Amino acid sequence: LTLACGGVATAQGNAGAINAGDTAWVLGSAA
């Protein structure tokens, strides 16, 4: 699971690679 609507940390050190499916889901959900 990911933490729902969590805050964006100022440090980017633990950011992973962009996942196309996750990105599509979030952008679709935004719409």
PDB file of all heavy atoms in Angstrom:
ATOM      1  N   LEU A   1       0.842  -1.187   0.000  1.00  0.00           N
ATOM      2  CA  LEU A   1       0.000   0.000   0.000  1.00  0.00           C
ATOM      3  C   LEU A   1       0.874   1.233   0.000  1.00  0.00           C
ATOM      4  O   LEU A   1       1.982   1.233   0.521  1.00  0.00           O
ATOM      5  CB  LEU A   1      -0.899   0.029   1.248  1.00  0.00           C
ATOM      6  CG  LEU A   1      -1.716  -1.224   1.557  1.00  0.00           C
ATOM      7  CD1 LEU A   1      -2.467  -1.013   2.856  1.00  0.00           C
ATOM      8  CD2 LEU A   1      -2.686  -1.540   0.436  1.00  0.00           C
ATOM      9  N   THR A   2       0.332   2.340  -0.535  1.00  0.00           N
ATOM     10  CA  THR A   2       0.991   3.628  -0.394  1.00  0.00           C
ATOM     11  C   THR A   2       0.190   4.468   0.572  1.00  0.00           C
ATOM     12  O   THR A   2      -0.996   4.272   0.742  1.00  0.00           O
ATOM     13  CB  THR A   2       1.070   4.367  -1.750  1.00  0.00           C
ATOM     14  OG1 THR A   2      -0.233   4.486  -2.276  1.00  0.00           O
ATOM     15  CG2 THR A   2       1.961   3.619  -2.716  1.00  0.00           C
ATOM     16  N   LEU A   3       0.837   5.410   1.227  1.00  0.00           N
ATOM     17  CA  LEU A   3       0.146   6.251   2.193  1.00  0.00           C
ATOM     18  C   LEU A   3      -0.767   7.215   1.467  1.00  0.00           C
ATOM     19  O   LEU A   3      -0.343   7.981   0.616  1.00  0.00           O
ATOM     20  CB  LEU A   3       1.165   7.027   3.027  1.00  0.00           C
ATOM     21  CG  LEU A   3       0.595   7.801   4.203  1.00  0.00           C
ATOM     22  CD1 LEU A   3      -0.041   6.861   5.204  1.00  0.00           C
ATOM     23  CD2 LEU A   3       1.683   8.626   4.858  1.00  0.00           C
ATOM     24  N   ALA A   4      -2.038   7.151   1.791  1.00  0.00           N
ATOM     25  CA  ALA A   4      -3.035   7.908   1.042  1.00  0.00           C
ATOM     26  C   ALA A   4      -2.800   9.395   1.133  1.00  0.00           C
ATOM     27  O   ALA A   4      -2.649   9.957   2.208  1.00  0.00           O
ATOM     28  CB  ALA A   4      -4.421   7.585   1.579  1.00  0.00           C
ATOM     29  N   CYS A   5      -2.794  10.053  -0.030  1.00  0.00           N
ATOM     30  CA  CYS A   5      -2.710  11.511  -0.110  1.00  0.00           C
ATOM     31  C   CYS A   5      -1.595  12.078   0.743  1.00  0.00           C
ATOM     32  O   CYS A   5      -1.719  13.143   1.311  1.00  0.00           O
ATOM     33  CB  CYS A   5      -4.043  12.139   0.293  1.00  0.00           C
ATOM     34  SG  CYS A   5      -5.281  12.023  -0.997  1.00  0.00           S
ATOM     35  N   GLY A   6      -0.503  11.353   0.888  1.00  0.00           N
ATOM     36  CA  GLY A   6       0.569  11.789   1.767  1.00  0.00           C
ATOM     37  C   GLY A   6       1.246  13.043   1.264  1.00  0.00           C
ATOM     38  O   GLY A   6       1.180  13.377   0.090  1.00  0.00           O
ATOM     39  N   GLY A   7       1.931  13.724   2.167  1.00  0.00           N
ATOM     40  CA  GLY A   7       2.635  14.932   1.803  1.00  0.00           C
ATOM     41  C   GLY A   7       3.868  14.624   0.996  1.00  0.00           C
ATOM     42  O   GLY A   7       4.520  13.613   1.165  1.00  0.00           O
ATOM     43  N   VAL A   8       4.217  15.522   0.105  1.00  0.00           N
ATOM     44  CA  VAL A   8       5.420  15.357  -0.701  1.00  0.00           C
ATOM     45  C   VAL A   8       6.614  15.813   0.109  1.00  0.00           C
ATOM     46  O   VAL A   8       6.673  16.939   0.577  1.00  0.00           O
ATOM     47  CB  VAL A   8       5.310  16.189  -1.998  1.00  0.00           C
ATOM     48  CG1 VAL A   8       6.584  16.094  -2.790  1.00  0.00           C
ATOM     49  CG2 VAL A   8       4.138  15.712  -2.815  1.00  0.00           C
ATOM     50  N   ALA A   9       7.564  14.931   0.308  1.00  0.00           N
ATOM     51  CA  ALA A   9       8.744  15.263   1.083  1.00  0.00           C
ATOM     52  C   ALA A   9       9.606  16.245   0.308  1.00  0.00           C
ATOM     53  O   ALA A   9       9.646  16.233  -0.920  1.00  0.00           O
ATOM     54  CB  ALA A   9       9.539  14.005   1.406  1.00  0.00           C
ATOM     55  N   THR A  10      10.337  17.081   1.024  1.00  0.00           N
ATOM     56  CA  THR A  10      11.199  18.037   0.343  1.00  0.00           C
ATOM     57  C   THR A  10      12.423  17.355  -0.240  1.00  0.00           C
ATOM     58  O   THR A  10      12.978  17.801  -1.228  1.00  0.00           O
ATOM     59  CB  THR A  10      11.646  19.129   1.328  1.00  0.00           C
ATOM     60  OG1 THR A  10      12.229  18.511   2.475  1.00  0.00           O
ATOM     61  CG2 THR A  10      10.450  19.938   1.779  1.00  0.00           C
ATOM     62  N   ALA A  11      12.837  16.273   0.370  1.00  0.00           N
ATOM     63  CA  ALA A  11      13.945  15.513  -0.186  1.00  0.00           C
ATOM     64  C   ALA A  11      13.394  14.483  -1.163  1.00  0.00           C
ATOM     65  O   ALA A  11      12.358  13.885  -0.936  1.00  0.00           O
ATOM     66  CB  ALA A  11      14.714  14.813   0.926  1.00  0.00           C
ATOM     67  N   GLN A  12      14.114  14.250  -2.259  1.00  0.00           N
ATOM     68  CA  GLN A  12      13.639  13.337  -3.282  1.00  0.00           C
ATOM     69  C   GLN A  12      14.418  12.028  -3.270  1.00  0.00           C
ATOM     70  O   GLN A  12      14.300  11.222  -4.187  1.00  0.00           O
ATOM     71  CB  GLN A  12      13.774  13.992  -4.668  1.00  0.00           C
ATOM     72  CG  GLN A  12      13.076  15.336  -4.769  1.00  0.00           C
ATOM     73  CD  GLN A  12      11.585  15.215  -4.636  1.00  0.00           C
ATOM     74  OE1 GLN A  12      10.958  14.377  -5.261  1.00  0.00           O
ATOM     75  NE2 GLN A  12      10.994  16.047  -3.796  1.00  0.00           N
ATOM     76  N   GLY A  13      15.172  11.781  -2.226  1.00  0.00           N
ATOM     77  CA  GLY A  13      16.081  10.655  -2.224  1.00  0.00           C
ATOM     78  C   GLY A  13      15.423   9.305  -2.343  1.00  0.00           C
ATOM     79  O   GLY A  13      15.988   8.390  -2.928  1.00  0.00           O
ATOM     80  N   ASN A  14      14.227   9.118  -1.794  1.00  0.00           N
ATOM     81  CA  ASN A  14      13.611   7.808  -1.832  1.00  0.00           C
ATOM     82  C   ASN A  14      12.530   7.699  -2.897  1.00  0.00           C
ATOM     83  O   ASN A  14      11.701   6.825  -2.868  1.00  0.00           O
ATOM     84  CB  ASN A  14      13.015   7.433  -0.468  1.00  0.00           C
ATOM     85  CG  ASN A  14      11.897   8.365  -0.051  1.00  0.00           C
ATOM     86  OD1 ASN A  14      11.802   9.486  -0.533  1.00  0.00           O
ATOM     87  ND2 ASN A  14      11.053   7.898   0.868  1.00  0.00           N
ATOM     88  N   ALA A  15      12.554   8.625  -3.849  1.00  0.00           N
ATOM     89  CA  ALA A  15      11.587   8.559  -4.927  1.00  0.00           C
ATOM     90  C   ALA A  15      11.967   7.444  -5.894  1.00  0.00           C
ATOM     91  O   ALA A  15      13.126   7.269  -6.236  1.00  0.00           O
ATOM     92  CB  ALA A  15      11.538   9.899  -5.664  1.00  0.00           C
ATOM     93  N   GLY A  16      10.973   6.683  -6.345  1.00  0.00           N
ATOM     94  CA  GLY A  16      11.241   5.592  -7.270  1.00  0.00           C
ATOM     95  C   GLY A  16      11.055   6.043  -8.704  1.00  0.00           C
ATOM     96  O   GLY A  16      10.849   7.212  -9.006  1.00  0.00           O
ATOM     97  N   ALA A  17      11.123   5.082  -9.612  1.00  0.00           N
ATOM     98  CA  ALA A  17      10.913   5.383 -11.016  1.00  0.00           C
ATOM     99  C   ALA A  17       9.426   5.582 -11.277  1.00  0.00           C
ATOM    100  O   ALA A  17       8.582   5.002 -10.612  1.00  0.00           O
ATOM    101  CB  ALA A  17      11.458   4.239 -11.868  1.00  0.00           C
ATOM    102  N   ILE A  18       9.135   6.402 -12.268  1.00  0.00           N
ATOM    103  CA  ILE A  18       7.737   6.661 -12.611  1.00  0.00           C
ATOM    104  C   ILE A  18       7.113   5.400 -13.190  1.00  0.00           C
ATOM    105  O   ILE A  18       7.684   4.741 -14.057  1.00  0.00           O
ATOM    106  CB  ILE A  18       7.636   7.826 -13.604  1.00  0.00           C
ATOM    107  CG1 ILE A  18       7.995   9.140 -12.891  1.00  0.00           C
ATOM    108  CG2 ILE A  18       6.243   7.914 -14.217  1.00  0.00           C
ATOM    109  CD1 ILE A  18       8.019  10.343 -13.800  1.00  0.00           C
ATOM    110  N   ASN A  19       5.927   5.075 -12.701  1.00  0.00           N
ATOM    111  CA  ASN A  19       5.172   3.929 -13.184  1.00  0.00           C
ATOM    112  C   ASN A  19       4.020   4.447 -14.042  1.00  0.00           C
ATOM    113  O   ASN A  19       3.211   5.245 -13.581  1.00  0.00           O
ATOM    114  CB  ASN A  19       4.639   3.121 -11.997  1.00  0.00           C
ATOM    115  CG  ASN A  19       3.845   1.910 -12.426  1.00  0.00           C
ATOM    116  OD1 ASN A  19       2.692   2.040 -12.822  1.00  0.00           O
ATOM    117  ND2 ASN A  19       4.450   0.743 -12.338  1.00  0.00           N
ATOM    118  N   ALA A  20       3.957   3.981 -15.289  1.00  0.00           N
ATOM    119  CA  ALA A  20       2.953   4.493 -16.218  1.00  0.00           C
ATOM    120  C   ALA A  20       1.538   4.198 -15.737  1.00  0.00           C
ATOM    121  O   ALA A  20       0.645   5.043 -15.847  1.00  0.00           O
ATOM    122  CB  ALA A  20       3.174   3.895 -17.606  1.00  0.00           C
ATOM    123  N   GLY A  21       1.313   2.996 -15.188  1.00  0.00           N
ATOM    124  CA  GLY A  21      -0.014   2.638 -14.721  1.00  0.00           C
ATOM    125  C   GLY A  21      -0.462   3.493 -13.555  1.00  0.00           C
ATOM    126  O   GLY A  21      -1.607   3.963 -13.519  1.00  0.00           O
ATOM    127  N   ASP A  22       0.438   3.701 -12.593  1.00  0.00           N
ATOM    128  CA  ASP A  22       0.099   4.543 -11.447  1.00  0.00           C
ATOM    129  C   ASP A  22      -0.184   5.972 -11.883  1.00  0.00           C
ATOM    130  O   ASP A  22      -1.130   6.616 -11.404  1.00  0.00           O
ATOM    131  CB  ASP A  22       1.237   4.528 -10.424  1.00  0.00           C
ATOM    132  CG  ASP A  22       1.422   3.176  -9.756  1.00  0.00           C
ATOM    133  OD1 ASP A  22       0.510   2.331  -9.859  1.00  0.00           O
ATOM    134  OD2 ASP A  22       2.489   2.961  -9.145  1.00  0.00           O
ATOM    135  N   THR A  23       0.649   6.482 -12.781  1.00  0.00           N
ATOM    136  CA  THR A  23       0.470   7.853 -13.245  1.00  0.00           C
ATOM    137  C   THR A  23      -0.863   8.006 -13.979  1.00  0.00           C
ATOM    138  O   THR A  23      -1.600   8.982 -13.764  1.00  0.00           O
ATOM    139  CB  THR A  23       1.628   8.261 -14.172  1.00  0.00           C
ATOM    140  OG1 THR A  23       2.868   8.127 -13.461  1.00  0.00           O
ATOM    141  CG2 THR A  23       1.478   9.702 -14.638  1.00  0.00           C
ATOM    142  N   ALA A  24      -1.182   7.046 -14.839  1.00  0.00           N
ATOM    143  CA  ALA A  24      -2.454   7.097 -15.560  1.00  0.00           C
ATOM    144  C   ALA A  24      -3.628   7.053 -14.594  1.00  0.00           C
ATOM    145  O   ALA A  24      -4.629   7.765 -14.770  1.00  0.00           O
ATOM    146  CB  ALA A  24      -2.543   5.942 -16.557  1.00  0.00           C
ATOM    147  N   TRP A  25      -3.523   6.219 -13.555  1.00  0.00           N
ATOM    148  CA  TRP A  25      -4.604   6.110 -12.574  1.00  0.00           C
ATOM    149  C   TRP A  25      -4.799   7.419 -11.820  1.00  0.00           C
ATOM    150  O   TRP A  25      -5.931   7.878 -11.637  1.00  0.00           O
ATOM    151  CB  TRP A  25      -4.310   4.961 -11.615  1.00  0.00           C
ATOM    152  CG  TRP A  25      -5.261   4.868 -10.457  1.00  0.00           C
ATOM    153  CD1 TRP A  25      -4.961   4.948  -9.132  1.00  0.00           C
ATOM    154  CD2 TRP A  25      -6.688   4.677 -10.510  1.00  0.00           C
ATOM    155  NE1 TRP A  25      -6.090   4.826  -8.359  1.00  0.00           N
ATOM    156  CE2 TRP A  25      -7.165   4.659  -9.181  1.00  0.00           C
ATOM    157  CE3 TRP A  25      -7.589   4.535 -11.554  1.00  0.00           C
ATOM    158  CZ2 TRP A  25      -8.515   4.494  -8.879  1.00  0.00           C
ATOM    159  CZ3 TRP A  25      -8.941   4.374 -11.255  1.00  0.00           C
ATOM    160  CH2 TRP A  25      -9.388   4.346  -9.922  1.00  0.00           C
ATOM    161  N   VAL A  26      -3.722   8.037 -11.400  1.00  0.00           N
ATOM    162  CA  VAL A  26      -3.835   9.273 -10.626  1.00  0.00           C
ATOM    163  C   VAL A  26      -4.350  10.415 -11.501  1.00  0.00           C
ATOM    164  O   VAL A  26      -5.213  11.201 -11.074  1.00  0.00           O
ATOM    165  CB  VAL A  26      -2.484   9.633  -9.980  1.00  0.00           C
ATOM    166  CG1 VAL A  26      -2.526  11.026  -9.359  1.00  0.00           C
ATOM    167  CG2 VAL A  26      -2.111   8.598  -8.918  1.00  0.00           C
ATOM    168  N   LEU A  27      -3.855  10.523 -12.744  1.00  0.00           N
ATOM    169  CA  LEU A  27      -4.345  11.579 -13.622  1.00  0.00           C
ATOM    170  C   LEU A  27      -5.816  11.361 -13.984  1.00  0.00           C
ATOM    171  O   LEU A  27      -6.605  12.310 -14.027  1.00  0.00           O
ATOM    172  CB  LEU A  27      -3.495  11.645 -14.888  1.00  0.00           C
ATOM    173  CG  LEU A  27      -2.066  12.153 -14.700  1.00  0.00           C
ATOM    174  CD1 LEU A  27      -1.295  12.075 -16.011  1.00  0.00           C
ATOM    175  CD2 LEU A  27      -2.044  13.571 -14.158  1.00  0.00           C
ATOM    176  N   GLY A  28      -6.189  10.110 -14.225  1.00  0.00           N
ATOM    177  CA  GLY A  28      -7.599   9.818 -14.482  1.00  0.00           C
ATOM    178  C   GLY A  28      -8.462  10.126 -13.278  1.00  0.00           C
ATOM    179  O   GLY A  28      -9.574  10.665 -13.401  1.00  0.00           O
ATOM    180  N   SER A  29      -7.953   9.804 -12.095  1.00  0.00           N
ATOM    181  CA  SER A  29      -8.688  10.104 -10.866  1.00  0.00           C
ATOM    182  C   SER A  29      -8.816  11.605 -10.657  1.00  0.00           C
ATOM    183  O   SER A  29      -9.852  12.099 -10.183  1.00  0.00           O
ATOM    184  CB  SER A  29      -7.989   9.462  -9.663  1.00  0.00           C
ATOM    185  OG  SER A  29      -8.026   8.051  -9.753  1.00  0.00           O
ATOM    186  N   ALA A  30      -7.767  12.347 -11.006  1.00  0.00           N
ATOM    187  CA  ALA A  30      -7.839  13.809 -10.899  1.00  0.00           C
ATOM    188  C   ALA A  30      -8.965  14.357 -11.774  1.00  0.00           C
ATOM    189  O   ALA A  30      -9.721  15.255 -11.363  1.00  0.00           O
ATOM    190  CB  ALA A  30      -6.508  14.438 -11.296  1.00  0.00           C
ATOM    191  N   ALA A  31      -9.096  13.809 -12.982  1.00  0.00           N
ATOM    192  CA  ALA A  31     -10.176  14.247 -13.869  1.00  0.00           C
ATOM    193  C   ALA A  31     -11.540  13.896 -13.276  1.00  0.00           C
ATOM    194  O   ALA A  31     -12.495  14.683 -13.372  1.00  0.00           O
ATOM    195  CB  ALA A  31     -10.006  13.607 -15.245  1.00  0.00           C
TER     196      ALA A  31
END
